[in-house]
Amino acid sequence: MTKRAYSPKEIAAKKWVTLPWGEQWSEPFGFPAENASWFISGASAQGKSSFVMQLGKELCKYGPVLYMSYEERVNQSFQRRMDYLGMNEVQGRFRVVTDDSIEELAERLSKPKSPKFIIVDSYQVAYDDFGWTYPAAVALMRRFNRKCFIFISQEDKSEPTGKPARRLRYICDMKVRVMGYKAYCLGRSIGEAGNHYVVWKEGILKTSNNL
């Protein structure tokens, strides 16, 4: 069976539901589609975990968020981060799970009123322990193509750790790298050139003395 080929006119006519967020988010990241895929990487102690939690809190304005906390689970650091970022303010729209396999997540997402945004942290632990191979991750995104999948990645020598993570980065719409408590968009929906998201102002001042 011949697969469909799109004309320029058909492509131009496609409509997207985008995230209607404010300047703090739109200046560095533009207005990505609600179902855009994200790939967020960064070295340890650069502000990545705080950025991901802040993003999750913002996304709660637009739909339920499920945080797959594979790496930290719900340890003391995770608890403190939840507290200082005021995640109690999104009670009822933000949920955390620690042990779902990719098959169990698929079952969860098949139910009515399932999460709209899914954060997978980290992809490396998900891959090693919970069945998130590259083909399985791609298949899940295609099956639930109206949902937004956000993959968090460890880094090694400034690159995502492991070939599967690097492959996944290529197919994601939004590519974000967190460095020095700033989040930079490297992807296809980039906002204003040179803009970045400030994860922690005091941390930036401590490391560079400028914003």
N, C-alpha and C. Protein backbone atom coordinates (compact mmCIF):
# COMPACT_ATOMS: atom_id res chain seq x y z
N MET A 1 0.84 -1.20 0.00
CA MET A 1 0.00 0.00 0.00
C MET A 1 0.88 1.25 0.00
N THR A 2 0.59 2.16 -0.93
CA THR A 2 1.37 3.40 -1.02
C THR A 2 1.04 4.32 0.15
N LYS A 3 2.08 4.82 0.79
CA LYS A 3 1.87 5.72 1.91
C LYS A 3 1.63 7.14 1.41
N ARG A 4 0.95 7.90 2.25
CA ARG A 4 0.54 9.24 1.85
C ARG A 4 1.74 10.17 1.67
N ALA A 5 1.64 11.03 0.66
CA ALA A 5 2.63 12.09 0.43
C ALA A 5 1.90 13.43 0.54
N TYR A 6 2.47 14.35 1.32
CA TYR A 6 1.83 15.65 1.56
C TYR A 6 2.30 16.68 0.54
N SER A 7 1.38 17.51 0.10
CA SER A 7 1.71 18.62 -0.79
C SER A 7 2.10 19.83 0.05
N PRO A 8 2.82 20.81 -0.52
CA PRO A 8 3.14 22.03 0.22
C PRO A 8 1.89 22.73 0.76
N LYS A 9 0.82 22.74 -0.01
CA LYS A 9 -0.42 23.39 0.42
C LYS A 9 -0.99 22.69 1.64
N GLU A 10 -0.98 21.36 1.64
CA GLU A 10 -1.50 20.60 2.78
C GLU A 10 -0.65 20.84 4.03
N ILE A 11 0.65 20.91 3.85
CA ILE A 11 1.53 21.15 4.99
C ILE A 11 1.29 22.55 5.56
N ALA A 12 1.14 23.54 4.68
CA ALA A 12 0.90 24.92 5.12
C ALA A 12 -0.42 25.05 5.85
N ALA A 13 -1.39 24.19 5.52
CA ALA A 13 -2.72 24.29 6.11
C ALA A 13 -2.84 23.60 7.47
N LYS A 14 -1.83 22.84 7.86
CA LYS A 14 -1.91 22.12 9.14
C LYS A 14 -1.95 23.10 10.30
N LYS A 15 -2.78 22.79 11.28
CA LYS A 15 -2.94 23.63 12.47
C LYS A 15 -2.42 22.90 13.69
N TRP A 16 -1.85 23.66 14.59
CA TRP A 16 -1.30 23.09 15.82
C TRP A 16 -1.86 23.82 17.03
N VAL A 17 -2.15 23.07 18.09
CA VAL A 17 -2.50 23.67 19.37
C VAL A 17 -1.20 23.89 20.12
N THR A 18 -0.86 25.14 20.36
CA THR A 18 0.43 25.46 20.98
C THR A 18 0.26 25.86 22.44
N LEU A 19 1.35 25.79 23.17
CA LEU A 19 1.34 26.19 24.58
C LEU A 19 1.21 27.71 24.66
N PRO A 20 0.17 28.21 25.30
CA PRO A 20 -0.06 29.66 25.35
C PRO A 20 0.63 30.34 26.52
N TRP A 21 1.89 30.00 26.76
CA TRP A 21 2.53 30.51 27.95
C TRP A 21 3.09 31.90 27.76
N GLY A 22 3.51 32.51 28.88
CA GLY A 22 3.97 33.89 28.87
C GLY A 22 5.42 34.05 28.43
N GLU A 23 5.91 35.29 28.51
CA GLU A 23 7.22 35.62 27.97
C GLU A 23 8.37 34.87 28.63
N GLN A 24 8.24 34.59 29.92
CA GLN A 24 9.32 33.87 30.61
C GLN A 24 9.66 32.57 29.90
N TRP A 25 8.65 31.92 29.32
CA TRP A 25 8.84 30.66 28.63
C TRP A 25 8.91 30.83 27.12
N SER A 26 8.11 31.73 26.57
CA SER A 26 8.06 31.85 25.10
C SER A 26 9.31 32.50 24.52
N GLU A 27 9.97 33.38 25.27
CA GLU A 27 11.17 34.02 24.73
C GLU A 27 12.29 33.02 24.46
N PRO A 28 12.57 32.09 25.39
CA PRO A 28 13.62 31.10 25.06
C PRO A 28 13.13 29.90 24.26
N PHE A 29 11.84 29.56 24.37
CA PHE A 29 11.37 28.29 23.79
C PHE A 29 10.29 28.45 22.72
N GLY A 30 9.88 29.67 22.43
CA GLY A 30 8.83 29.87 21.44
C GLY A 30 7.50 29.34 21.94
N PHE A 31 6.64 28.93 21.00
CA PHE A 31 5.32 28.39 21.34
C PHE A 31 5.19 26.98 20.75
N PRO A 32 5.82 26.00 21.38
CA PRO A 32 5.76 24.64 20.84
C PRO A 32 4.36 24.05 20.92
N ALA A 33 4.09 23.09 20.07
CA ALA A 33 2.82 22.38 20.12
C ALA A 33 2.68 21.67 21.46
N GLU A 34 1.43 21.54 21.91
CA GLU A 34 1.19 20.88 23.19
C GLU A 34 1.70 19.44 23.19
N ASN A 35 1.71 18.81 22.03
CA ASN A 35 2.17 17.42 21.95
C ASN A 35 3.59 17.30 21.41
N ALA A 36 4.34 18.39 21.41
CA ALA A 36 5.74 18.33 20.98
C ALA A 36 6.54 17.45 21.94
N SER A 37 7.52 16.75 21.42
CA SER A 37 8.40 15.94 22.27
C SER A 37 9.60 16.78 22.69
N TRP A 38 10.06 16.56 23.92
CA TRP A 38 11.18 17.32 24.48
C TRP A 38 12.32 16.37 24.85
N PHE A 39 13.54 16.87 24.70
CA PHE A 39 14.73 16.15 25.15
C PHE A 39 15.57 17.15 25.92
N ILE A 40 15.73 16.93 27.21
CA ILE A 40 16.43 17.87 28.09
C ILE A 40 17.66 17.18 28.67
N SER A 41 18.82 17.76 28.43
CA SER A 41 20.06 17.16 28.92
C SER A 41 20.86 18.19 29.71
N GLY A 42 21.81 17.68 30.48
CA GLY A 42 22.66 18.55 31.26
C GLY A 42 23.52 17.73 32.20
N ALA A 43 24.67 18.27 32.55
CA ALA A 43 25.55 17.59 33.50
C ALA A 43 25.00 17.74 34.91
N SER A 44 25.58 17.01 35.83
CA SER A 44 25.16 17.07 37.22
C SER A 44 25.46 18.45 37.81
N ALA A 45 24.59 18.91 38.72
CA ALA A 45 24.78 20.16 39.46
C ALA A 45 24.78 21.40 38.58
N GLN A 46 24.01 21.37 37.50
CA GLN A 46 23.89 22.52 36.60
C GLN A 46 22.50 23.16 36.64
N GLY A 47 21.58 22.54 37.40
CA GLY A 47 20.23 23.08 37.50
C GLY A 47 19.19 22.33 36.68
N LYS A 48 19.57 21.19 36.12
CA LYS A 48 18.66 20.44 35.25
C LYS A 48 17.41 19.98 35.99
N SER A 49 17.59 19.39 37.17
CA SER A 49 16.44 18.86 37.91
C SER A 49 15.47 19.96 38.31
N SER A 50 16.01 21.11 38.71
CA SER A 50 15.14 22.23 39.07
C SER A 50 14.40 22.76 37.85
N PHE A 51 15.08 22.82 36.71
CA PHE A 51 14.42 23.28 35.49
C PHE A 51 13.28 22.35 35.11
N VAL A 52 13.53 21.05 35.18
CA VAL A 52 12.49 20.09 34.80
C VAL A 52 11.28 20.23 35.71
N MET A 53 11.50 20.42 37.00
CA MET A 53 10.38 20.58 37.93
C MET A 53 9.63 21.87 37.64
N GLN A 54 10.35 22.95 37.32
CA GLN A 54 9.69 24.21 36.98
C GLN A 54 8.87 24.07 35.71
N LEU A 55 9.41 23.35 34.73
CA LEU A 55 8.67 23.10 33.49
C LEU A 55 7.42 22.29 33.79
N GLY A 56 7.56 21.26 34.61
CA GLY A 56 6.41 20.44 34.97
C GLY A 56 5.32 21.25 35.64
N LYS A 57 5.72 22.16 36.52
CA LYS A 57 4.74 23.01 37.21
C LYS A 57 4.02 23.91 36.22
N GLU A 58 4.76 24.49 35.29
CA GLU A 58 4.14 25.35 34.27
C GLU A 58 3.17 24.56 33.41
N LEU A 59 3.53 23.35 33.03
CA LEU A 59 2.68 22.54 32.16
C LEU A 59 1.39 22.12 32.85
N CYS A 60 1.38 22.13 34.18
CA CYS A 60 0.15 21.81 34.91
C CYS A 60 -0.98 22.78 34.59
N LYS A 61 -0.64 23.95 34.08
CA LYS A 61 -1.67 24.92 33.67
C LYS A 61 -2.45 24.44 32.46
N TYR A 62 -1.87 23.51 31.71
CA TYR A 62 -2.44 23.11 30.42
C TYR A 62 -2.89 21.65 30.38
N GLY A 63 -2.67 20.93 31.47
CA GLY A 63 -3.12 19.55 31.53
C GLY A 63 -2.40 18.78 32.62
N PRO A 64 -2.89 17.58 32.97
CA PRO A 64 -2.26 16.78 34.01
C PRO A 64 -0.85 16.34 33.62
N VAL A 65 0.05 16.35 34.59
CA VAL A 65 1.45 15.98 34.38
C VAL A 65 1.78 14.73 35.18
N LEU A 66 2.45 13.79 34.54
CA LEU A 66 2.94 12.59 35.23
C LEU A 66 4.46 12.60 35.20
N TYR A 67 5.08 12.57 36.37
CA TYR A 67 6.53 12.59 36.49
C TYR A 67 7.01 11.17 36.79
N MET A 68 7.73 10.59 35.84
CA MET A 68 8.30 9.25 36.02
C MET A 68 9.68 9.42 36.67
N SER A 69 9.71 9.37 38.00
CA SER A 69 10.95 9.64 38.73
C SER A 69 11.73 8.34 38.91
N TYR A 70 12.31 7.86 37.81
CA TYR A 70 13.06 6.61 37.84
C TYR A 70 14.39 6.76 38.57
N GLU A 71 15.05 7.89 38.38
CA GLU A 71 16.42 8.04 38.88
C GLU A 71 16.46 8.41 40.36
N GLU A 72 15.76 9.46 40.74
CA GLU A 72 15.77 9.89 42.13
C GLU A 72 14.70 9.22 42.97
N ARG A 73 13.69 8.67 42.31
CA ARG A 73 12.51 8.15 42.99
C ARG A 73 11.89 9.29 43.80
N VAL A 74 11.57 9.09 45.07
CA VAL A 74 11.07 10.21 45.87
C VAL A 74 11.99 10.36 47.09
N ASN A 75 13.27 10.56 46.79
CA ASN A 75 14.25 10.69 47.87
C ASN A 75 14.19 12.09 48.49
N GLN A 76 15.08 12.34 49.41
CA GLN A 76 15.05 13.59 50.16
C GLN A 76 15.29 14.80 49.26
N SER A 77 16.20 14.69 48.30
CA SER A 77 16.45 15.80 47.38
C SER A 77 15.22 16.11 46.55
N PHE A 78 14.53 15.07 46.09
CA PHE A 78 13.31 15.27 45.31
C PHE A 78 12.24 15.95 46.17
N GLN A 79 12.13 15.52 47.41
CA GLN A 79 11.16 16.12 48.33
C GLN A 79 11.46 17.60 48.56
N ARG A 80 12.73 17.92 48.79
CA ARG A 80 13.11 19.33 49.01
C ARG A 80 12.82 20.17 47.79
N ARG A 81 13.10 19.64 46.61
CA ARG A 81 12.84 20.38 45.37
C ARG A 81 11.34 20.64 45.20
N MET A 82 10.54 19.64 45.49
CA MET A 82 9.09 19.81 45.43
C MET A 82 8.64 20.93 46.36
N ASP A 83 9.27 20.98 47.54
CA ASP A 83 8.88 21.96 48.55
C ASP A 83 9.27 23.38 48.14
N TYR A 84 10.54 23.60 47.77
CA TYR A 84 10.96 24.97 47.50
C TYR A 84 10.41 25.52 46.19
N LEU A 85 9.95 24.64 45.31
CA LEU A 85 9.32 25.12 44.08
C LEU A 85 7.80 25.20 44.20
N GLY A 86 7.29 24.93 45.39
CA GLY A 86 5.86 25.11 45.64
C GLY A 86 4.96 24.19 44.84
N MET A 87 5.35 22.93 44.73
CA MET A 87 4.55 22.00 43.92
C MET A 87 3.21 21.67 44.55
N ASN A 88 3.04 22.00 45.82
CA ASN A 88 1.72 21.84 46.44
C ASN A 88 0.67 22.71 45.76
N GLU A 89 1.12 23.74 45.05
CA GLU A 89 0.19 24.63 44.34
C GLU A 89 -0.48 23.93 43.16
N VAL A 90 0.09 22.83 42.69
CA VAL A 90 -0.50 22.10 41.56
C VAL A 90 -1.01 20.73 42.01
N GLN A 91 -1.36 20.65 43.27
CA GLN A 91 -1.97 19.43 43.81
C GLN A 91 -3.16 19.02 42.95
N GLY A 92 -3.22 17.76 42.58
CA GLY A 92 -4.32 17.27 41.77
C GLY A 92 -4.02 17.25 40.28
N ARG A 93 -2.97 17.97 39.87
CA ARG A 93 -2.60 17.99 38.44
C ARG A 93 -1.19 17.46 38.20
N PHE A 94 -0.51 17.14 39.28
CA PHE A 94 0.88 16.66 39.19
C PHE A 94 1.00 15.38 40.00
N ARG A 95 1.43 14.31 39.34
CA ARG A 95 1.58 13.02 40.00
C ARG A 95 2.98 12.45 39.72
N VAL A 96 3.49 11.68 40.67
CA VAL A 96 4.82 11.09 40.56
C VAL A 96 4.70 9.57 40.70
N VAL A 97 5.31 8.84 39.77
CA VAL A 97 5.42 7.38 39.89
C VAL A 97 6.89 7.01 39.77
N THR A 98 7.24 5.88 40.34
CA THR A 98 8.66 5.50 40.38
C THR A 98 8.95 4.13 39.78
N ASP A 99 7.95 3.31 39.54
CA ASP A 99 8.21 1.92 39.17
C ASP A 99 7.48 1.43 37.93
N ASP A 100 6.75 2.27 37.23
CA ASP A 100 6.00 1.81 36.05
C ASP A 100 6.95 1.38 34.94
N SER A 101 6.76 0.19 34.42
CA SER A 101 7.45 -0.19 33.20
C SER A 101 6.81 0.55 32.04
N ILE A 102 7.41 0.48 30.87
CA ILE A 102 6.84 1.18 29.72
C ILE A 102 5.48 0.56 29.35
N GLU A 103 5.32 -0.74 29.59
CA GLU A 103 4.03 -1.38 29.32
C GLU A 103 2.97 -0.90 30.31
N GLU A 104 3.35 -0.76 31.57
CA GLU A 104 2.40 -0.27 32.59
C GLU A 104 2.03 1.18 32.33
N LEU A 105 2.98 1.97 31.86
CA LEU A 105 2.66 3.35 31.51
C LEU A 105 1.67 3.39 30.35
N ALA A 106 1.87 2.55 29.35
CA ALA A 106 0.95 2.50 28.21
C ALA A 106 -0.47 2.18 28.68
N GLU A 107 -0.58 1.26 29.62
CA GLU A 107 -1.90 0.93 30.18
C GLU A 107 -2.50 2.13 30.90
N ARG A 108 -1.67 2.84 31.64
CA ARG A 108 -2.12 4.03 32.37
C ARG A 108 -2.60 5.11 31.39
N LEU A 109 -1.86 5.29 30.30
CA LEU A 109 -2.20 6.34 29.34
C LEU A 109 -3.43 5.99 28.50
N SER A 110 -3.82 4.73 28.50
CA SER A 110 -4.99 4.30 27.73
C SER A 110 -6.30 4.63 28.44
N LYS A 111 -6.21 4.99 29.71
CA LYS A 111 -7.41 5.23 30.50
C LYS A 111 -7.94 6.65 30.28
N PRO A 112 -9.25 6.86 30.50
CA PRO A 112 -9.81 8.22 30.39
C PRO A 112 -9.14 9.16 31.40
N LYS A 113 -9.04 10.42 31.02
CA LYS A 113 -8.45 11.46 31.87
C LYS A 113 -7.01 11.13 32.27
N SER A 114 -6.30 10.47 31.38
CA SER A 114 -4.90 10.14 31.66
C SER A 114 -4.02 11.38 31.49
N PRO A 115 -2.79 11.35 32.00
CA PRO A 115 -1.91 12.52 31.90
C PRO A 115 -1.69 12.97 30.46
N LYS A 116 -1.55 14.29 30.32
CA LYS A 116 -1.29 14.88 29.00
C LYS A 116 0.20 15.05 28.76
N PHE A 117 0.94 15.27 29.85
CA PHE A 117 2.38 15.49 29.77
C PHE A 117 3.09 14.41 30.59
N ILE A 118 4.08 13.76 30.01
CA ILE A 118 4.79 12.67 30.68
C ILE A 118 6.28 13.00 30.70
N ILE A 119 6.84 13.10 31.90
CA ILE A 119 8.26 13.39 32.08
C ILE A 119 8.97 12.10 32.46
N VAL A 120 9.98 11.72 31.69
CA VAL A 120 10.73 10.48 31.91
C VAL A 120 12.13 10.84 32.41
N ASP A 121 12.40 10.60 33.69
CA ASP A 121 13.64 11.07 34.32
C ASP A 121 14.29 9.92 35.12
N SER A 122 15.40 9.42 34.68
CA SER A 122 16.08 9.79 33.45
C SER A 122 15.88 8.71 32.40
N TYR A 123 16.15 9.06 31.15
CA TYR A 123 15.99 8.07 30.10
C TYR A 123 16.95 6.90 30.28
N GLN A 124 18.14 7.17 30.80
CA GLN A 124 19.13 6.11 30.96
C GLN A 124 18.63 5.04 31.94
N VAL A 125 18.06 5.46 33.07
CA VAL A 125 17.53 4.49 34.03
C VAL A 125 16.29 3.81 33.46
N ALA A 126 15.46 4.57 32.76
CA ALA A 126 14.28 3.99 32.12
C ALA A 126 14.69 2.91 31.12
N TYR A 127 15.74 3.18 30.38
CA TYR A 127 16.25 2.22 29.38
C TYR A 127 16.80 0.97 30.05
N ASP A 128 17.59 1.15 31.08
CA ASP A 128 18.25 0.02 31.72
C ASP A 128 17.30 -0.87 32.51
N ASP A 129 16.32 -0.26 33.19
CA ASP A 129 15.53 -0.99 34.18
C ASP A 129 14.04 -1.13 33.88
N PHE A 130 13.50 -0.36 32.94
CA PHE A 130 12.05 -0.33 32.79
C PHE A 130 11.56 -0.51 31.35
N GLY A 131 12.42 -1.01 30.46
CA GLY A 131 11.98 -1.38 29.13
C GLY A 131 11.91 -0.29 28.09
N TRP A 132 12.53 0.87 28.39
CA TRP A 132 12.46 2.00 27.46
C TRP A 132 13.55 1.91 26.40
N THR A 133 13.54 0.88 25.59
CA THR A 133 14.46 0.84 24.45
C THR A 133 14.08 1.96 23.48
N TYR A 134 14.99 2.28 22.59
CA TYR A 134 14.68 3.32 21.60
C TYR A 134 13.45 2.96 20.77
N PRO A 135 13.35 1.75 20.20
CA PRO A 135 12.15 1.42 19.42
C PRO A 135 10.87 1.47 20.26
N ALA A 136 10.95 1.03 21.53
CA ALA A 136 9.77 1.05 22.39
C ALA A 136 9.33 2.48 22.69
N ALA A 137 10.30 3.37 22.93
CA ALA A 137 9.97 4.77 23.21
C ALA A 137 9.32 5.42 22.00
N VAL A 138 9.86 5.17 20.82
CA VAL A 138 9.29 5.74 19.59
C VAL A 138 7.89 5.20 19.36
N ALA A 139 7.70 3.90 19.57
CA ALA A 139 6.38 3.30 19.38
C ALA A 139 5.36 3.89 20.34
N LEU A 140 5.77 4.14 21.58
CA LEU A 140 4.85 4.73 22.57
C LEU A 140 4.45 6.14 22.17
N MET A 141 5.42 6.93 21.71
CA MET A 141 5.11 8.29 21.28
C MET A 141 4.16 8.30 20.09
N ARG A 142 4.34 7.37 19.17
CA ARG A 142 3.46 7.30 18.00
C ARG A 142 2.07 6.82 18.38
N ARG A 143 2.01 5.89 19.32
CA ARG A 143 0.71 5.38 19.77
C ARG A 143 -0.10 6.47 20.46
N PHE A 144 0.56 7.25 21.31
CA PHE A 144 -0.11 8.32 22.04
C PHE A 144 0.39 9.67 21.50
N ASN A 145 0.11 9.91 20.23
CA ASN A 145 0.69 11.07 19.56
C ASN A 145 0.04 12.39 19.92
N ARG A 146 -0.99 12.37 20.74
CA ARG A 146 -1.59 13.62 21.21
C ARG A 146 -1.01 14.05 22.56
N LYS A 147 -0.13 13.24 23.09
CA LYS A 147 0.48 13.55 24.38
C LYS A 147 1.90 14.07 24.20
N CYS A 148 2.39 14.72 25.22
CA CYS A 148 3.73 15.31 25.20
C CYS A 148 4.66 14.46 26.05
N PHE A 149 5.71 13.95 25.44
CA PHE A 149 6.72 13.17 26.16
C PHE A 149 7.97 14.02 26.33
N ILE A 150 8.46 14.06 27.56
CA ILE A 150 9.62 14.88 27.91
C ILE A 150 10.69 13.95 28.49
N PHE A 151 11.79 13.79 27.78
CA PHE A 151 12.85 12.88 28.19
C PHE A 151 14.00 13.66 28.82
N ILE A 152 14.44 13.21 29.99
CA ILE A 152 15.54 13.83 30.69
C ILE A 152 16.76 12.93 30.56
N SER A 153 17.89 13.52 30.22
CA SER A 153 19.07 12.72 29.93
C SER A 153 20.28 13.12 30.75
N GLN A 154 21.01 12.12 31.21
CA GLN A 154 22.34 12.34 31.77
C GLN A 154 23.28 12.74 30.64
N GLU A 155 24.43 13.29 31.02
CA GLU A 155 25.44 13.67 30.03
C GLU A 155 26.79 13.05 30.35
N ASP A 156 27.55 12.83 29.31
CA ASP A 156 28.94 12.38 29.43
C ASP A 156 29.75 13.13 28.38
N LYS A 157 30.70 13.94 28.82
CA LYS A 157 31.52 14.74 27.92
C LYS A 157 30.65 15.62 27.02
N SER A 158 29.68 16.28 27.64
CA SER A 158 28.80 17.26 26.99
C SER A 158 27.83 16.65 25.98
N GLU A 159 27.70 15.33 25.98
CA GLU A 159 26.77 14.65 25.09
C GLU A 159 25.86 13.74 25.91
N PRO A 160 24.62 13.50 25.44
CA PRO A 160 23.75 12.55 26.14
C PRO A 160 24.45 11.21 26.31
N THR A 161 24.28 10.61 27.48
CA THR A 161 24.94 9.35 27.77
C THR A 161 24.27 8.19 27.04
N GLY A 162 25.02 7.49 26.21
CA GLY A 162 24.53 6.31 25.53
C GLY A 162 23.94 6.58 24.16
N LYS A 163 24.16 5.65 23.24
CA LYS A 163 23.66 5.79 21.87
C LYS A 163 22.15 5.90 21.79
N PRO A 164 21.36 5.10 22.56
CA PRO A 164 19.90 5.24 22.48
C PRO A 164 19.42 6.65 22.81
N ALA A 165 20.03 7.28 23.82
CA ALA A 165 19.65 8.65 24.18
C ALA A 165 20.00 9.62 23.06
N ARG A 166 21.16 9.44 22.45
CA ARG A 166 21.55 10.34 21.36
C ARG A 166 20.61 10.16 20.16
N ARG A 167 20.18 8.95 19.89
CA ARG A 167 19.21 8.72 18.81
C ARG A 167 17.88 9.40 19.13
N LEU A 168 17.47 9.28 20.38
CA LEU A 168 16.20 9.86 20.79
C LEU A 168 16.23 11.38 20.66
N ARG A 169 17.36 11.98 21.00
CA ARG A 169 17.49 13.44 20.89
C ARG A 169 17.20 13.91 19.47
N TYR A 170 17.67 13.18 18.49
CA TYR A 170 17.50 13.61 17.10
C TYR A 170 16.04 13.71 16.69
N ILE A 171 15.18 12.85 17.21
CA ILE A 171 13.79 12.85 16.75
C ILE A 171 12.88 13.75 17.59
N CYS A 172 13.38 14.27 18.69
CA CYS A 172 12.54 15.13 19.54
C CYS A 172 12.44 16.53 18.96
N ASP A 173 11.29 17.16 19.16
CA ASP A 173 11.05 18.49 18.61
C ASP A 173 11.83 19.56 19.35
N MET A 174 11.80 19.50 20.67
CA MET A 174 12.44 20.50 21.52
C MET A 174 13.69 19.90 22.15
N LYS A 175 14.82 20.50 21.86
CA LYS A 175 16.09 20.05 22.44
C LYS A 175 16.59 21.15 23.37
N VAL A 176 16.73 20.82 24.64
CA VAL A 176 17.11 21.81 25.64
C VAL A 176 18.34 21.31 26.39
N ARG A 177 19.29 22.21 26.59
CA ARG A 177 20.48 21.87 27.38
C ARG A 177 20.58 22.85 28.54
N VAL A 178 20.78 22.32 29.73
CA VAL A 178 20.89 23.13 30.93
C VAL A 178 22.36 23.22 31.33
N MET A 179 22.85 24.46 31.43
CA MET A 179 24.24 24.71 31.79
C MET A 179 24.30 25.93 32.69
N GLY A 180 24.99 25.82 33.80
CA GLY A 180 25.19 26.97 34.67
C GLY A 180 23.89 27.63 35.11
N TYR A 181 22.88 26.82 35.41
CA TYR A 181 21.57 27.29 35.87
C TYR A 181 20.83 28.10 34.81
N LYS A 182 21.15 27.87 33.55
CA LYS A 182 20.42 28.46 32.43
C LYS A 182 20.00 27.32 31.50
N ALA A 183 18.80 27.43 30.94
CA ALA A 183 18.30 26.42 30.00
C ALA A 183 18.24 27.03 28.61
N TYR A 184 18.92 26.42 27.67
CA TYR A 184 19.00 26.91 26.29
C TYR A 184 18.24 25.98 25.36
N CYS A 185 17.46 26.56 24.46
CA CYS A 185 16.75 25.77 23.47
C CYS A 185 17.64 25.59 22.25
N LEU A 186 17.85 24.34 21.87
CA LEU A 186 18.67 24.02 20.71
C LEU A 186 17.84 23.40 19.60
N GLY A 187 16.53 23.38 19.78
CA GLY A 187 15.67 22.62 18.89
C GLY A 187 15.02 23.41 17.80
N ARG A 188 13.90 22.85 17.31
CA ARG A 188 13.26 23.36 16.11
C ARG A 188 12.25 24.45 16.38
N SER A 189 11.93 24.70 17.65
CA SER A 189 10.95 25.73 17.98
C SER A 189 11.59 26.83 18.79
N ILE A 190 12.82 27.15 18.45
CA ILE A 190 13.60 28.10 19.23
C ILE A 190 12.95 29.48 19.26
N GLY A 191 13.06 30.14 20.42
CA GLY A 191 12.53 31.48 20.55
C GLY A 191 13.54 32.50 20.05
N GLU A 192 13.57 33.66 20.69
CA GLU A 192 14.49 34.71 20.27
C GLU A 192 15.94 34.25 20.45
N ALA A 193 16.76 34.54 19.44
CA ALA A 193 18.16 34.12 19.47
C ALA A 193 18.87 34.67 20.70
N GLY A 194 19.62 33.84 21.37
CA GLY A 194 20.41 34.25 22.52
C GLY A 194 19.66 34.22 23.83
N ASN A 195 18.34 34.06 23.80
CA ASN A 195 17.58 34.01 25.04
C ASN A 195 17.77 32.67 25.74
N HIS A 196 17.62 32.71 27.03
CA HIS A 196 17.68 31.48 27.82
C HIS A 196 16.71 31.61 28.98
N TYR A 197 16.39 30.48 29.56
CA TYR A 197 15.51 30.46 30.73
C TYR A 197 16.39 30.44 31.97
N VAL A 198 16.12 31.34 32.89
CA VAL A 198 16.88 31.41 34.14
C VAL A 198 16.30 30.40 35.12
N VAL A 199 17.09 29.40 35.44
CA VAL A 199 16.64 28.37 36.37
C VAL A 199 16.79 28.84 37.81
N TRP A 200 17.94 29.43 38.11
CA TRP A 200 18.23 29.87 39.47
C TRP A 200 19.15 31.09 39.39
N LYS A 201 18.57 32.26 39.61
CA LYS A 201 19.31 33.51 39.44
C LYS A 201 20.52 33.58 40.36
N GLU A 202 20.34 33.21 41.63
CA GLU A 202 21.45 33.29 42.57
C GLU A 202 22.60 32.36 42.16
N GLY A 203 22.25 31.20 41.60
CA GLY A 203 23.29 30.28 41.15
C GLY A 203 24.09 30.85 40.00
N ILE A 204 23.42 31.54 39.08
CA ILE A 204 24.13 32.17 37.96
C ILE A 204 25.07 33.25 38.48
N LEU A 205 24.59 34.05 39.43
CA LEU A 205 25.41 35.12 39.97
C LEU A 205 26.65 34.56 40.67
N LYS A 206 26.48 33.44 41.33
CA LYS A 206 27.62 32.83 42.03
C LYS A 206 28.67 32.32 41.06
N THR A 207 28.22 31.84 39.90
CA THR A 207 29.16 31.22 38.96
C THR A 207 29.72 32.18 37.92
N SER A 208 28.97 33.25 37.60
CA SER A 208 29.43 34.10 36.51
C SER A 208 29.31 35.59 36.78
N ASN A 209 28.59 35.96 37.83
CA ASN A 209 28.38 37.37 38.16
C ASN A 209 27.65 38.15 37.08
N ASN A 210 26.93 37.46 36.18
CA ASN A 210 26.09 38.17 35.22
C ASN A 210 24.98 37.24 34.77
N LEU A 211 23.90 37.86 34.25
CA LEU A 211 22.75 37.10 33.76
C LEU A 211 22.84 37.02 32.24
